[in-house]
Amino acid sequence: MTFRTSLAIVTGKAAGTLSRQFRLGGGTTLPGALARRVAPGVLGALAAALPHGVVLLSGTNGKTTTSRMLADMLGASGERVLHNRAGANLIAGLTATAIANTDWRGRPRATIGLFETDEAALPQAIAETRPRLVLIHNLFRDQLDRYGEVDTVAAAWRAALSELPAEATVALNADDPAVADLGADLRARVVYYGLEDPRHATGAGAHIADSQFCRRCGQRYVYALAFYAHIGHYHCPTCGHRRPDPQVRLVRLHLRGTNGSQLYLLYPGGALEVDLPLPGLYNAMNATGALTAALALGVAPSSARAALEHFRAAFGRIERLTAGPGGAPLLIALIKNPVGASETVRMLVDGGAPTGASTNGQASGAELHLLIAINDRFADGTDVSWLWDAEFEPLAGRLARVTLSGTRAEDMAVRLKYAGVPQARMRLEPDLGRAIDAALTGLPAGATLFVLPTYTAMLDLRDILARRGWARQFWEV
């Protein structure tokens, strides 16, 4: 290890200690930024020292939840996992995580690295860490001011993946055309996963499909099954390009409202039934992606199942808390783009259950109490026009009351007005602390307050709840 790398590690560790000591934050990013100024190659050096290499995970939605699922599976198999669990997923955050998990001489405490990685940061992360496995979950329109269109992101991903050696593995979602196409002509081994249960083909959010056209000839795809947005079973009627056959298949999925779901999966050489304590179709897909990566890494199926069945949600991602002296139940679900918001609304309204199925715990017609907090800071994306693509219409007639907060609370109020929500059921309170109090006031006994924040609003919410003693800070969860 070079002198500069050693100095970078010392600098990063000192910055992290001081940041936490003086309550400036969790030390999840600044130590990495400072260390990289001293030695730009410090992340690569620390990654190379890990005995079992590095795993990278990216995608628009589900990164934090899926990476935590995979971390739990690897831990259950006996690995000591280096993981950016707090969600700092830019290069500085990955570097800070790697530094925090080494000793002062730069020797790793972990056996394997697992990094949730921002979409724009993935190519650089691949170049620096030389991963043994890359899992890419989905690609949706998100923060156009930062990322650009999905084709721009996909092109950058493809170029980075093409540099992986033959001994690496790439795990891809077969149901997302833009993601599945990344597997073409790679030197690395490619494995696919996908959903096979036709009961969930509702075609929800088809108007916000981003990858509608054939990656080969440009003709519009035809869908035999459309689950949501552009996720489904597709083929090109002109050139014949089609969804690849997945090796790991979610063949049966039973959703139980906001209480969880039951998955039945097939994989080469076996089958697995999992009682997942997280609700929603998208969390079932998160689990399927995590299982695919785990199996590719040699995790025993029984260990993977046990980890999933005891999984605890990441902060803000279908996280359950209690608030106030009376212990009112809160369910916090991050929303940040049209697809994620639409699927969250679908989960709340009908549990995401297929047509004609029981919602098991989400009573049909039950009135909902919501707090929606919309910010437009850099980390959220400064363009909030995505609110008009998200499907909030199912909330009309189902809301008992909604409190609106954040820097763009007024925009959310206008969006709900056009979705058919009566203005009398909306309360505007831009200050998030007062909004929490207003939403909890009058909450009926036994009712859950569903909180839907954007990213920075979620962090603000966490800080308020932690200062009130109702939750821990996000880096402690």
Protein backbone atom coordinates (compact mmCIF):
# COMPACT_ATOMS: atom_id res chain seq x y z
CA MET A 1 0.00 0.00 0.00
CA THR A 2 1.39 3.39 -0.99
CA PHE A 3 2.05 6.23 1.43
CA ARG A 4 -0.70 8.35 -0.20
CA THR A 5 -3.24 5.57 0.17
CA SER A 6 -2.33 5.16 3.85
CA LEU A 7 -2.61 8.91 4.37
CA ALA A 8 -6.02 8.91 2.62
CA ILE A 9 -7.28 6.21 5.00
CA VAL A 10 -6.09 8.12 8.06
CA THR A 11 -7.67 11.32 6.73
CA GLY A 12 -10.98 9.61 6.02
CA LYS A 13 -11.14 7.88 9.38
CA ALA A 14 -10.38 11.10 11.24
CA ALA A 15 -13.05 12.99 9.27
CA GLY A 16 -15.64 10.32 10.04
CA THR A 17 -14.85 10.34 13.74
CA LEU A 18 -15.06 14.13 13.96
CA SER A 19 -18.28 14.24 11.92
CA ARG A 20 -20.05 11.87 14.29
CA GLN A 21 -18.51 13.35 17.43
CA PHE A 22 -19.69 16.86 16.59
CA ARG A 23 -23.04 15.60 15.24
CA LEU A 24 -22.37 16.92 11.75
CA GLY A 25 -23.74 13.72 10.23
CA GLY A 26 -23.06 10.02 10.06
CA GLY A 27 -19.72 10.30 8.28
CA THR A 28 -21.15 8.48 5.27
CA THR A 29 -19.80 10.77 2.52
CA LEU A 30 -17.33 13.45 3.69
CA PRO A 31 -14.58 11.00 4.72
CA GLY A 32 -14.61 9.49 1.24
CA ALA A 33 -14.52 12.87 -0.50
CA LEU A 34 -11.52 13.99 1.57
CA ALA A 35 -9.69 10.68 1.18
CA ARG A 36 -10.07 10.79 -2.60
CA ARG A 37 -8.44 14.21 -2.67
CA VAL A 38 -5.40 12.70 -1.00
CA ALA A 39 -5.38 9.48 -3.07
CA PRO A 40 -7.90 9.24 -5.96
CA GLY A 41 -7.27 5.48 -6.25
CA VAL A 42 -8.00 4.64 -2.63
CA LEU A 43 -11.33 2.89 -3.37
CA GLY A 44 -9.71 0.60 -5.91
CA ALA A 45 -6.93 -0.29 -3.49
CA LEU A 46 -9.34 -1.14 -0.69
CA ALA A 47 -11.62 -3.12 -3.03
CA ALA A 48 -8.69 -5.18 -4.29
CA ALA A 49 -7.85 -6.15 -0.69
CA LEU A 50 -11.23 -7.82 -0.10
CA PRO A 51 -10.73 -11.63 -0.19
CA HIS A 52 -14.03 -12.40 -1.96
CA GLY A 53 -14.21 -9.33 -4.14
CA VAL A 54 -16.93 -6.73 -4.70
CA VAL A 55 -20.60 -6.84 -5.69
CA LEU A 56 -22.27 -3.77 -7.20
CA LEU A 57 -26.03 -3.22 -7.35
CA SER A 58 -27.81 -0.47 -9.25
CA GLY A 59 -31.13 0.53 -10.81
CA THR A 60 -33.68 3.29 -10.51
CA ASN A 61 -35.93 1.82 -7.84
CA GLY A 62 -35.25 -0.69 -5.08
CA LYS A 63 -31.47 -0.33 -4.70
CA THR A 64 -31.40 0.11 -0.92
CA THR A 65 -33.92 -2.64 -0.16
CA THR A 66 -32.40 -5.13 -2.60
CA SER A 67 -28.85 -4.51 -1.41
CA ARG A 68 -29.93 -5.01 2.21
CA MET A 69 -31.63 -8.26 1.29
CA LEU A 70 -28.48 -9.47 -0.43
CA ALA A 71 -26.30 -8.31 2.48
CA ASP A 72 -28.44 -10.35 4.88
CA MET A 73 -28.19 -13.42 2.64
CA LEU A 74 -24.41 -13.12 2.39
CA GLY A 75 -24.19 -12.63 6.15
CA ALA A 76 -26.30 -15.73 6.72
CA SER A 77 -23.85 -17.71 4.58
CA GLY A 78 -20.94 -16.70 6.79
CA GLU A 79 -19.53 -13.73 4.87
CA ARG A 80 -18.41 -10.58 6.68
CA VAL A 81 -20.04 -7.97 4.48
CA LEU A 82 -18.73 -4.48 3.77
CA HIS A 83 -21.94 -2.63 2.83
CA ASN A 84 -22.90 1.03 2.38
CA ARG A 85 -25.96 0.30 4.48
CA ALA A 86 -26.79 3.97 5.14
CA GLY A 87 -27.41 4.43 1.41
CA ALA A 88 -24.54 6.81 0.51
CA ASN A 89 -24.24 5.50 -3.04
CA LEU A 90 -22.07 8.00 -4.92
CA ILE A 91 -18.37 7.29 -5.31
CA ALA A 92 -17.50 9.33 -2.21
CA GLY A 93 -20.01 7.29 -0.21
CA LEU A 94 -18.59 3.99 -1.44
CA THR A 95 -15.12 5.19 -0.54
CA ALA A 96 -16.20 6.34 2.93
CA THR A 97 -17.77 2.94 3.57
CA ALA A 98 -14.64 1.10 2.49
CA ILE A 99 -12.45 3.28 4.73
CA ALA A 100 -14.73 2.89 7.76
CA ASN A 101 -14.50 -0.88 7.48
CA THR A 102 -10.73 -1.17 7.41
CA ASP A 103 -8.24 -0.83 10.23
CA TRP A 104 -5.81 2.09 10.39
CA ARG A 105 -3.35 0.14 8.22
CA GLY A 106 -5.97 -0.39 5.49
CA ARG A 107 -6.58 -4.08 6.17
CA PRO A 108 -10.23 -5.05 5.50
CA ARG A 109 -12.42 -6.33 8.30
CA ALA A 110 -14.84 -7.80 5.75
CA THR A 111 -14.53 -10.71 3.35
CA ILE A 112 -16.75 -9.26 0.60
CA GLY A 113 -17.87 -5.79 -0.48
CA LEU A 114 -21.46 -4.96 -1.44
CA PHE A 115 -22.18 -1.48 -2.75
CA GLU A 116 -25.53 0.01 -3.66
CA THR A 117 -24.53 2.37 -6.48
CA ASP A 118 -26.16 5.47 -7.94
CA GLU A 119 -27.12 5.06 -11.60
CA ALA A 120 -24.77 7.78 -12.80
CA ALA A 121 -21.94 6.51 -10.59
CA LEU A 122 -22.14 2.86 -11.69
CA PRO A 123 -19.66 3.10 -14.61
CA GLN A 124 -16.99 4.67 -12.40
CA ALA A 125 -17.71 2.17 -9.62
CA ILE A 126 -17.23 -0.71 -12.07
CA ALA A 127 -13.95 0.77 -13.30
CA GLU A 128 -12.57 1.32 -9.79
CA THR A 129 -13.75 -1.79 -7.91
CA ARG A 130 -13.55 -4.42 -10.69
CA PRO A 131 -16.60 -6.29 -9.31
CA ARG A 132 -17.14 -10.02 -9.44
CA LEU A 133 -20.91 -9.48 -9.83
CA VAL A 134 -23.10 -6.59 -10.97
CA LEU A 135 -26.87 -6.68 -10.38
CA ILE A 136 -29.00 -4.21 -12.34
CA HIS A 137 -32.60 -4.13 -11.28
CA ASN A 138 -34.53 -1.69 -13.50
CA LEU A 139 -34.28 1.56 -15.42
CA PHE A 140 -36.98 4.22 -15.22
CA ARG A 141 -37.15 7.93 -15.87
CA ASP A 142 -35.81 9.63 -12.74
CA GLN A 143 -34.22 13.01 -12.04
CA LEU A 144 -33.90 14.06 -15.68
CA ASP A 145 -31.91 17.10 -14.56
CA ARG A 146 -29.17 14.75 -13.27
CA TYR A 147 -29.28 11.59 -15.39
CA GLY A 148 -30.87 12.52 -18.71
CA GLU A 149 -33.09 10.07 -20.57
CA VAL A 150 -33.00 6.35 -19.89
CA ASP A 151 -31.18 5.61 -23.16
CA THR A 152 -28.32 7.85 -22.02
CA VAL A 153 -27.99 5.92 -18.77
CA ALA A 154 -28.27 2.55 -20.54
CA ALA A 155 -25.50 3.47 -23.00
CA ALA A 156 -23.14 4.37 -20.15
CA TRP A 157 -23.97 1.13 -18.35
CA ARG A 158 -23.38 -0.94 -21.49
CA ALA A 159 -19.96 0.58 -22.07
CA ALA A 160 -18.92 -0.12 -18.47
CA LEU A 161 -20.25 -3.70 -18.44
CA SER A 162 -18.43 -4.48 -21.69
CA GLU A 163 -15.14 -4.09 -19.82
CA LEU A 164 -15.93 -6.87 -17.33
CA PRO A 165 -13.90 -10.06 -17.73
CA ALA A 166 -15.32 -13.50 -18.49
CA GLU A 167 -15.09 -14.60 -14.85
CA ALA A 168 -17.47 -11.81 -13.71
CA THR A 169 -21.26 -12.22 -13.53
CA VAL A 170 -23.99 -9.78 -14.53
CA ALA A 171 -27.50 -10.36 -13.12
CA LEU A 172 -30.29 -8.59 -15.03
CA ASN A 173 -34.06 -8.15 -14.83
CA ALA A 174 -35.48 -9.93 -17.89
CA ASP A 175 -38.77 -8.00 -17.59
CA ASP A 176 -37.17 -4.59 -18.22
CA PRO A 177 -36.26 -4.29 -21.93
CA ALA A 178 -33.54 -1.67 -21.41
CA VAL A 179 -31.91 -3.71 -18.64
CA ALA A 180 -32.26 -7.11 -20.30
CA ASP A 181 -30.62 -5.81 -23.47
CA LEU A 182 -27.46 -4.96 -21.52
CA GLY A 183 -26.63 -8.68 -21.46
CA ALA A 184 -26.06 -8.90 -25.21
CA ASP A 185 -22.48 -9.60 -26.35
CA LEU A 186 -20.87 -9.33 -22.91
CA ARG A 187 -17.77 -11.34 -22.07
CA ALA A 188 -19.10 -11.76 -18.53
CA ARG A 189 -21.54 -14.51 -17.59
CA VAL A 190 -25.15 -13.23 -17.69
CA VAL A 191 -28.06 -14.52 -15.58
CA TYR A 192 -31.63 -13.25 -15.79
CA TYR A 193 -34.56 -13.21 -13.40
CA GLY A 194 -38.22 -12.33 -13.94
CA LEU A 195 -41.87 -12.54 -12.91
CA GLU A 196 -44.00 -15.32 -14.42
CA ASP A 197 -47.31 -14.94 -12.56
CA PRO A 198 -49.83 -13.66 -15.16
CA ARG A 199 -52.35 -12.61 -12.51
CA HIS A 200 -50.31 -9.46 -11.88
CA ALA A 201 -50.40 -8.30 -15.50
CA THR A 202 -52.67 -5.30 -14.93
CA GLY A 203 -50.87 -2.97 -17.33
CA ALA A 204 -50.69 -0.31 -14.60
CA GLY A 205 -48.92 2.91 -15.54
CA ALA A 206 -48.53 2.01 -19.20
CA HIS A 207 -48.47 5.73 -20.06
CA ILE A 208 -45.16 6.11 -18.17
CA ALA A 209 -43.39 3.27 -19.97
CA ASP A 210 -39.89 4.47 -20.88
CA SER A 211 -38.52 1.52 -22.87
CA GLN A 212 -41.28 0.88 -25.38
CA PHE A 213 -39.25 0.36 -28.53
CA CYS A 214 -37.15 -2.54 -29.75
CA ARG A 215 -33.49 -2.23 -28.85
CA ARG A 216 -32.61 -3.79 -32.22
CA CYS A 217 -34.83 -2.25 -34.89
CA GLY A 218 -36.83 0.54 -33.22
CA GLN A 219 -40.30 -1.03 -33.65
CA ARG A 220 -42.72 -0.73 -30.72
CA TYR A 221 -42.73 -3.79 -28.48
CA VAL A 222 -45.84 -5.94 -28.16
CA TYR A 223 -46.57 -7.15 -24.62
CA ALA A 224 -48.07 -10.54 -23.83
CA LEU A 225 -48.01 -9.57 -20.13
CA ALA A 226 -47.57 -6.01 -18.83
CA PHE A 227 -47.04 -5.71 -15.07
CA TYR A 228 -46.46 -1.95 -14.78
CA ALA A 229 -44.85 0.76 -16.90
CA HIS A 230 -42.61 -1.11 -19.39
CA ILE A 231 -42.05 -4.11 -17.10
CA GLY A 232 -43.44 -7.33 -18.54
CA HIS A 233 -43.15 -10.01 -21.24
CA TYR A 234 -42.42 -8.33 -24.58
CA HIS A 235 -41.37 -9.12 -28.12
CA CYS A 236 -40.72 -7.20 -31.31
CA PRO A 237 -43.20 -8.04 -34.10
CA THR A 238 -40.68 -6.98 -36.78
CA CYS A 239 -37.30 -8.51 -35.92
CA GLY A 240 -38.36 -11.05 -33.29
CA HIS A 241 -36.24 -9.67 -30.46
CA ARG A 242 -37.86 -10.78 -27.21
CA ARG A 243 -37.60 -11.02 -23.46
CA PRO A 244 -34.87 -13.50 -22.53
CA ASP A 245 -35.83 -16.62 -20.60
CA PRO A 246 -34.94 -16.05 -16.93
CA GLN A 247 -32.98 -18.60 -14.94
CA VAL A 248 -34.65 -17.49 -11.69
CA ARG A 249 -38.43 -17.23 -12.03
CA LEU A 250 -41.02 -15.84 -9.65
CA VAL A 251 -43.80 -18.16 -10.78
CA ARG A 252 -46.38 -17.45 -8.09
CA LEU A 253 -46.87 -14.33 -6.00
CA HIS A 254 -49.56 -13.77 -3.35
CA LEU A 255 -49.76 -10.20 -2.03
CA ARG A 256 -51.17 -9.59 1.45
CA GLY A 257 -51.90 -5.89 1.37
CA THR A 258 -49.45 -3.93 3.50
CA ASN A 259 -48.64 -7.03 5.57
CA GLY A 260 -46.28 -8.82 3.22
CA SER A 261 -46.31 -11.39 0.43
CA GLN A 262 -45.69 -15.04 -0.38
CA LEU A 263 -43.28 -15.94 -3.18
CA TYR A 264 -42.77 -19.23 -4.97
CA LEU A 265 -39.59 -19.25 -7.05
CA LEU A 266 -37.92 -21.69 -9.40
CA TYR A 267 -34.17 -21.67 -10.05
CA PRO A 268 -31.81 -24.12 -11.78
CA GLY A 269 -31.93 -27.27 -9.70
CA GLY A 270 -34.61 -26.32 -7.21
CA ALA A 271 -37.55 -24.33 -5.89
CA LEU A 272 -38.08 -21.99 -2.96
CA GLU A 273 -41.14 -20.72 -1.12
CA VAL A 274 -40.63 -17.49 0.82
CA ASP A 275 -42.85 -15.56 3.23
CA LEU A 276 -41.60 -12.03 2.67
CA PRO A 277 -42.46 -9.50 5.42
CA LEU A 278 -42.54 -6.64 2.89
CA PRO A 279 -45.60 -5.70 0.82
CA GLY A 280 -45.93 -4.80 -2.84
CA LEU A 281 -45.11 -6.24 -6.23
CA TYR A 282 -41.92 -4.22 -6.46
CA ASN A 283 -40.57 -5.65 -3.19
CA ALA A 284 -41.24 -9.15 -4.49
CA MET A 285 -39.10 -8.25 -7.50
CA ASN A 286 -36.45 -6.82 -5.18
CA ALA A 287 -36.33 -10.17 -3.39
CA THR A 288 -36.14 -12.08 -6.69
CA GLY A 289 -33.20 -9.97 -7.85
CA ALA A 290 -31.39 -10.36 -4.53
CA LEU A 291 -31.94 -14.13 -4.58
CA THR A 292 -30.57 -14.35 -8.12
CA ALA A 293 -27.38 -12.58 -7.06
CA ALA A 294 -27.09 -14.67 -3.89
CA LEU A 295 -27.37 -17.96 -5.79
CA ALA A 296 -24.78 -16.76 -8.32
CA LEU A 297 -22.45 -16.01 -5.41
CA GLY A 298 -22.86 -19.49 -3.96
CA VAL A 299 -25.25 -18.76 -1.09
CA ALA A 300 -27.25 -21.84 -0.05
CA PRO A 301 -30.97 -21.49 -0.91
CA SER A 302 -31.96 -22.30 2.68
CA SER A 303 -29.77 -19.46 3.99
CA ALA A 304 -31.22 -17.08 1.41
CA ARG A 305 -34.78 -17.97 2.36
CA ALA A 306 -34.13 -17.55 6.09
CA ALA A 307 -32.60 -14.12 5.49
CA LEU A 308 -35.57 -12.96 3.40
CA GLU A 309 -38.14 -14.20 5.89
CA HIS A 310 -36.46 -12.27 8.72
CA PHE A 311 -35.77 -9.18 6.67
CA ARG A 312 -36.25 -5.75 8.19
CA ALA A 313 -36.99 -2.81 5.91
CA ALA A 314 -34.42 -0.06 5.35
CA PHE A 315 -35.20 3.40 6.68
CA GLY A 316 -38.00 5.00 4.72
CA ARG A 317 -38.58 1.98 2.49
CA ILE A 318 -41.83 0.54 3.82
CA GLU A 319 -40.47 1.17 7.30
CA ARG A 320 -42.82 0.85 10.24
CA LEU A 321 -42.42 3.10 13.28
CA THR A 322 -44.51 4.37 16.16
CA ALA A 323 -44.85 8.07 16.86
CA GLY A 324 -46.06 10.25 19.69
CA PRO A 325 -47.02 9.44 23.27
CA GLY A 326 -49.82 7.17 22.08
CA GLY A 327 -47.55 5.19 19.77
CA ALA A 328 -49.45 5.89 16.55
CA PRO A 329 -48.32 3.52 13.78
CA LEU A 330 -46.45 5.07 10.85
CA LEU A 331 -45.56 3.41 7.55
CA ILE A 332 -42.96 5.39 5.58
CA ALA A 333 -42.59 4.74 1.85
CA LEU A 334 -40.13 6.73 -0.24
CA ILE A 335 -41.47 8.12 -3.53
CA LYS A 336 -39.16 9.73 -6.07
CA ASN A 337 -40.36 9.08 -9.62
CA PRO A 338 -43.57 8.22 -11.53
CA VAL A 339 -43.25 4.44 -11.39
CA GLY A 340 -42.28 4.25 -7.71
CA ALA A 341 -45.03 6.65 -6.64
CA SER A 342 -47.66 4.86 -8.73
CA GLU A 343 -46.77 1.44 -7.34
CA THR A 344 -46.79 2.79 -3.78
CA VAL A 345 -50.27 4.23 -4.31
CA ARG A 346 -51.42 0.92 -5.78
CA MET A 347 -50.05 -0.92 -2.73
CA LEU A 348 -51.93 1.40 -0.35
CA VAL A 349 -55.21 1.34 -2.23
CA ASP A 350 -55.53 -2.33 -3.08
CA GLY A 351 -52.39 -4.00 -1.82
CA GLY A 352 -51.27 -4.52 -5.41
CA ALA A 353 -53.43 -7.64 -5.45
CA PRO A 354 -54.37 -9.09 -8.83
CA THR A 355 -57.93 -8.62 -10.00
CA GLY A 356 -60.38 -10.61 -7.94
CA ALA A 357 -57.89 -11.51 -5.22
CA SER A 358 -58.26 -10.86 -1.51
CA THR A 359 -56.16 -7.99 -0.16
CA ASN A 360 -55.65 -9.76 3.18
CA GLY A 361 -55.35 -6.90 5.61
CA GLN A 362 -56.09 -3.95 3.32
CA ALA A 363 -59.85 -3.64 3.64
CA SER A 364 -61.49 -2.60 0.40
CA GLY A 365 -62.90 0.90 0.73
CA ALA A 366 -60.95 1.68 3.92
CA GLU A 367 -60.13 5.37 4.25
CA LEU A 368 -56.47 6.32 4.25
CA HIS A 369 -54.62 8.93 6.31
CA LEU A 370 -51.59 10.28 4.44
CA LEU A 371 -48.73 12.71 4.88
CA ILE A 372 -47.02 13.53 1.56
CA ALA A 373 -43.80 15.57 1.66
CA ILE A 374 -42.35 16.73 -1.67
CA ASN A 375 -38.99 18.47 -1.92
CA ASP A 376 -37.12 19.68 -5.00
CA ARG A 377 -33.56 19.79 -3.73
CA PHE A 378 -30.65 18.49 -5.78
CA ALA A 379 -30.81 14.96 -4.36
CA ASP A 380 -34.55 14.77 -5.14
CA GLY A 381 -34.28 16.17 -8.64
CA THR A 382 -35.21 19.81 -9.11
CA ASP A 383 -37.82 19.00 -11.76
CA VAL A 384 -41.06 17.87 -10.08
CA SER A 385 -43.07 17.52 -13.28
CA TRP A 386 -42.96 13.76 -12.60
CA LEU A 387 -45.86 14.30 -10.19
CA TRP A 388 -48.15 14.63 -13.23
CA ASP A 389 -47.06 11.26 -14.65
CA ALA A 390 -47.53 9.39 -11.37
CA GLU A 391 -50.95 7.80 -10.87
CA PHE A 392 -52.49 9.48 -7.84
CA GLU A 393 -56.04 9.10 -9.18
CA PRO A 394 -56.71 5.87 -7.22
CA LEU A 395 -56.54 7.96 -4.02
CA ALA A 396 -59.68 9.87 -4.94
CA GLY A 397 -62.53 8.60 -2.79
CA ARG A 398 -60.14 6.68 -0.54
CA LEU A 399 -58.58 9.51 1.46
CA ALA A 400 -59.90 10.43 4.86
CA ARG A 401 -57.29 13.18 5.08
CA VAL A 402 -53.96 14.09 3.51
CA THR A 403 -51.43 16.55 4.94
CA LEU A 404 -49.07 18.07 2.36
CA SER A 405 -45.62 19.36 3.20
CA GLY A 406 -42.19 20.11 1.77
CA THR A 407 -40.83 22.77 -0.55
CA ARG A 408 -43.32 21.78 -3.27
CA ALA A 409 -46.36 21.14 -1.11
CA GLU A 410 -48.45 23.47 -3.26
CA ASP A 411 -47.57 21.50 -6.41
CA MET A 412 -48.70 18.29 -4.72
CA ALA A 413 -51.96 19.95 -3.69
CA VAL A 414 -52.67 20.95 -7.28
CA ARG A 415 -51.82 17.45 -8.51
CA LEU A 416 -54.22 15.85 -6.02
CA LYS A 417 -56.92 18.35 -6.96
CA TYR A 418 -56.71 17.20 -10.57
CA ALA A 419 -56.62 13.58 -9.39
CA GLY A 420 -60.08 14.14 -7.91
CA VAL A 421 -59.21 14.51 -4.22
CA PRO A 422 -61.59 17.02 -2.56
CA GLN A 423 -59.80 20.11 -1.32
CA ALA A 424 -61.61 19.78 2.01
CA ARG A 425 -59.59 16.61 2.69
CA MET A 426 -56.25 18.33 2.10
CA ARG A 427 -54.25 20.35 4.60
CA LEU A 428 -51.21 22.35 3.52
CA GLU A 429 -48.34 22.69 6.01
CA PRO A 430 -44.92 23.39 4.40
CA ASP A 431 -43.04 22.99 7.72
CA LEU A 432 -42.49 19.25 8.09
CA GLY A 433 -42.41 19.21 11.89
CA ARG A 434 -45.78 20.95 12.12
CA ALA A 435 -47.08 18.75 9.31
CA ILE A 436 -46.28 15.62 11.34
CA ASP A 437 -48.16 17.02 14.32
CA ALA A 438 -51.11 17.99 12.15
CA ALA A 439 -51.28 14.57 10.50
CA LEU A 440 -51.15 12.77 13.86
CA THR A 441 -53.82 14.99 15.38
CA GLY A 442 -57.14 13.29 15.04
CA LEU A 443 -55.70 10.06 13.69
CA PRO A 444 -58.28 7.41 14.68
CA ALA A 445 -57.26 4.75 17.16
CA GLY A 446 -55.67 1.83 15.35
CA ALA A 447 -55.31 3.73 12.07
CA THR A 448 -51.93 3.94 10.33
CA LEU A 449 -50.47 7.20 9.08
CA PHE A 450 -48.90 6.51 5.69
CA VAL A 451 -46.01 8.89 5.02
CA LEU A 452 -44.82 9.36 1.42
CA PRO A 453 -41.71 11.58 1.27
CA THR A 454 -39.18 12.31 -1.44
CA TYR A 455 -35.54 11.58 -0.60
CA THR A 456 -34.49 14.74 1.23
CA ALA A 457 -37.90 15.00 2.89
CA MET A 458 -37.34 11.47 4.15
CA LEU A 459 -34.01 12.54 5.67
CA ASP A 460 -35.65 15.60 7.24
CA LEU A 461 -38.42 13.40 8.59
CA ARG A 462 -35.90 10.98 10.06
CA ASP A 463 -34.06 13.81 11.77
CA ILE A 464 -37.28 15.15 13.32
CA LEU A 465 -38.37 11.71 14.53
CA ALA A 466 -34.90 11.00 15.96
CA ARG A 467 -34.79 14.31 17.85
CA ARG A 468 -38.19 13.50 19.33
CA GLY A 469 -36.98 10.06 20.40
CA TRP A 470 -39.33 8.21 18.07
CA ALA A 471 -36.64 6.74 15.79
CA ARG A 472 -32.90 6.36 15.35
CA GLN A 473 -30.83 8.38 12.90
CA PHE A 474 -30.63 6.82 9.45
CA TRP A 475 -26.95 5.85 9.75
CA GLU A 476 -27.79 3.90 12.93
CA VAL A 477 -30.53 1.77 11.38
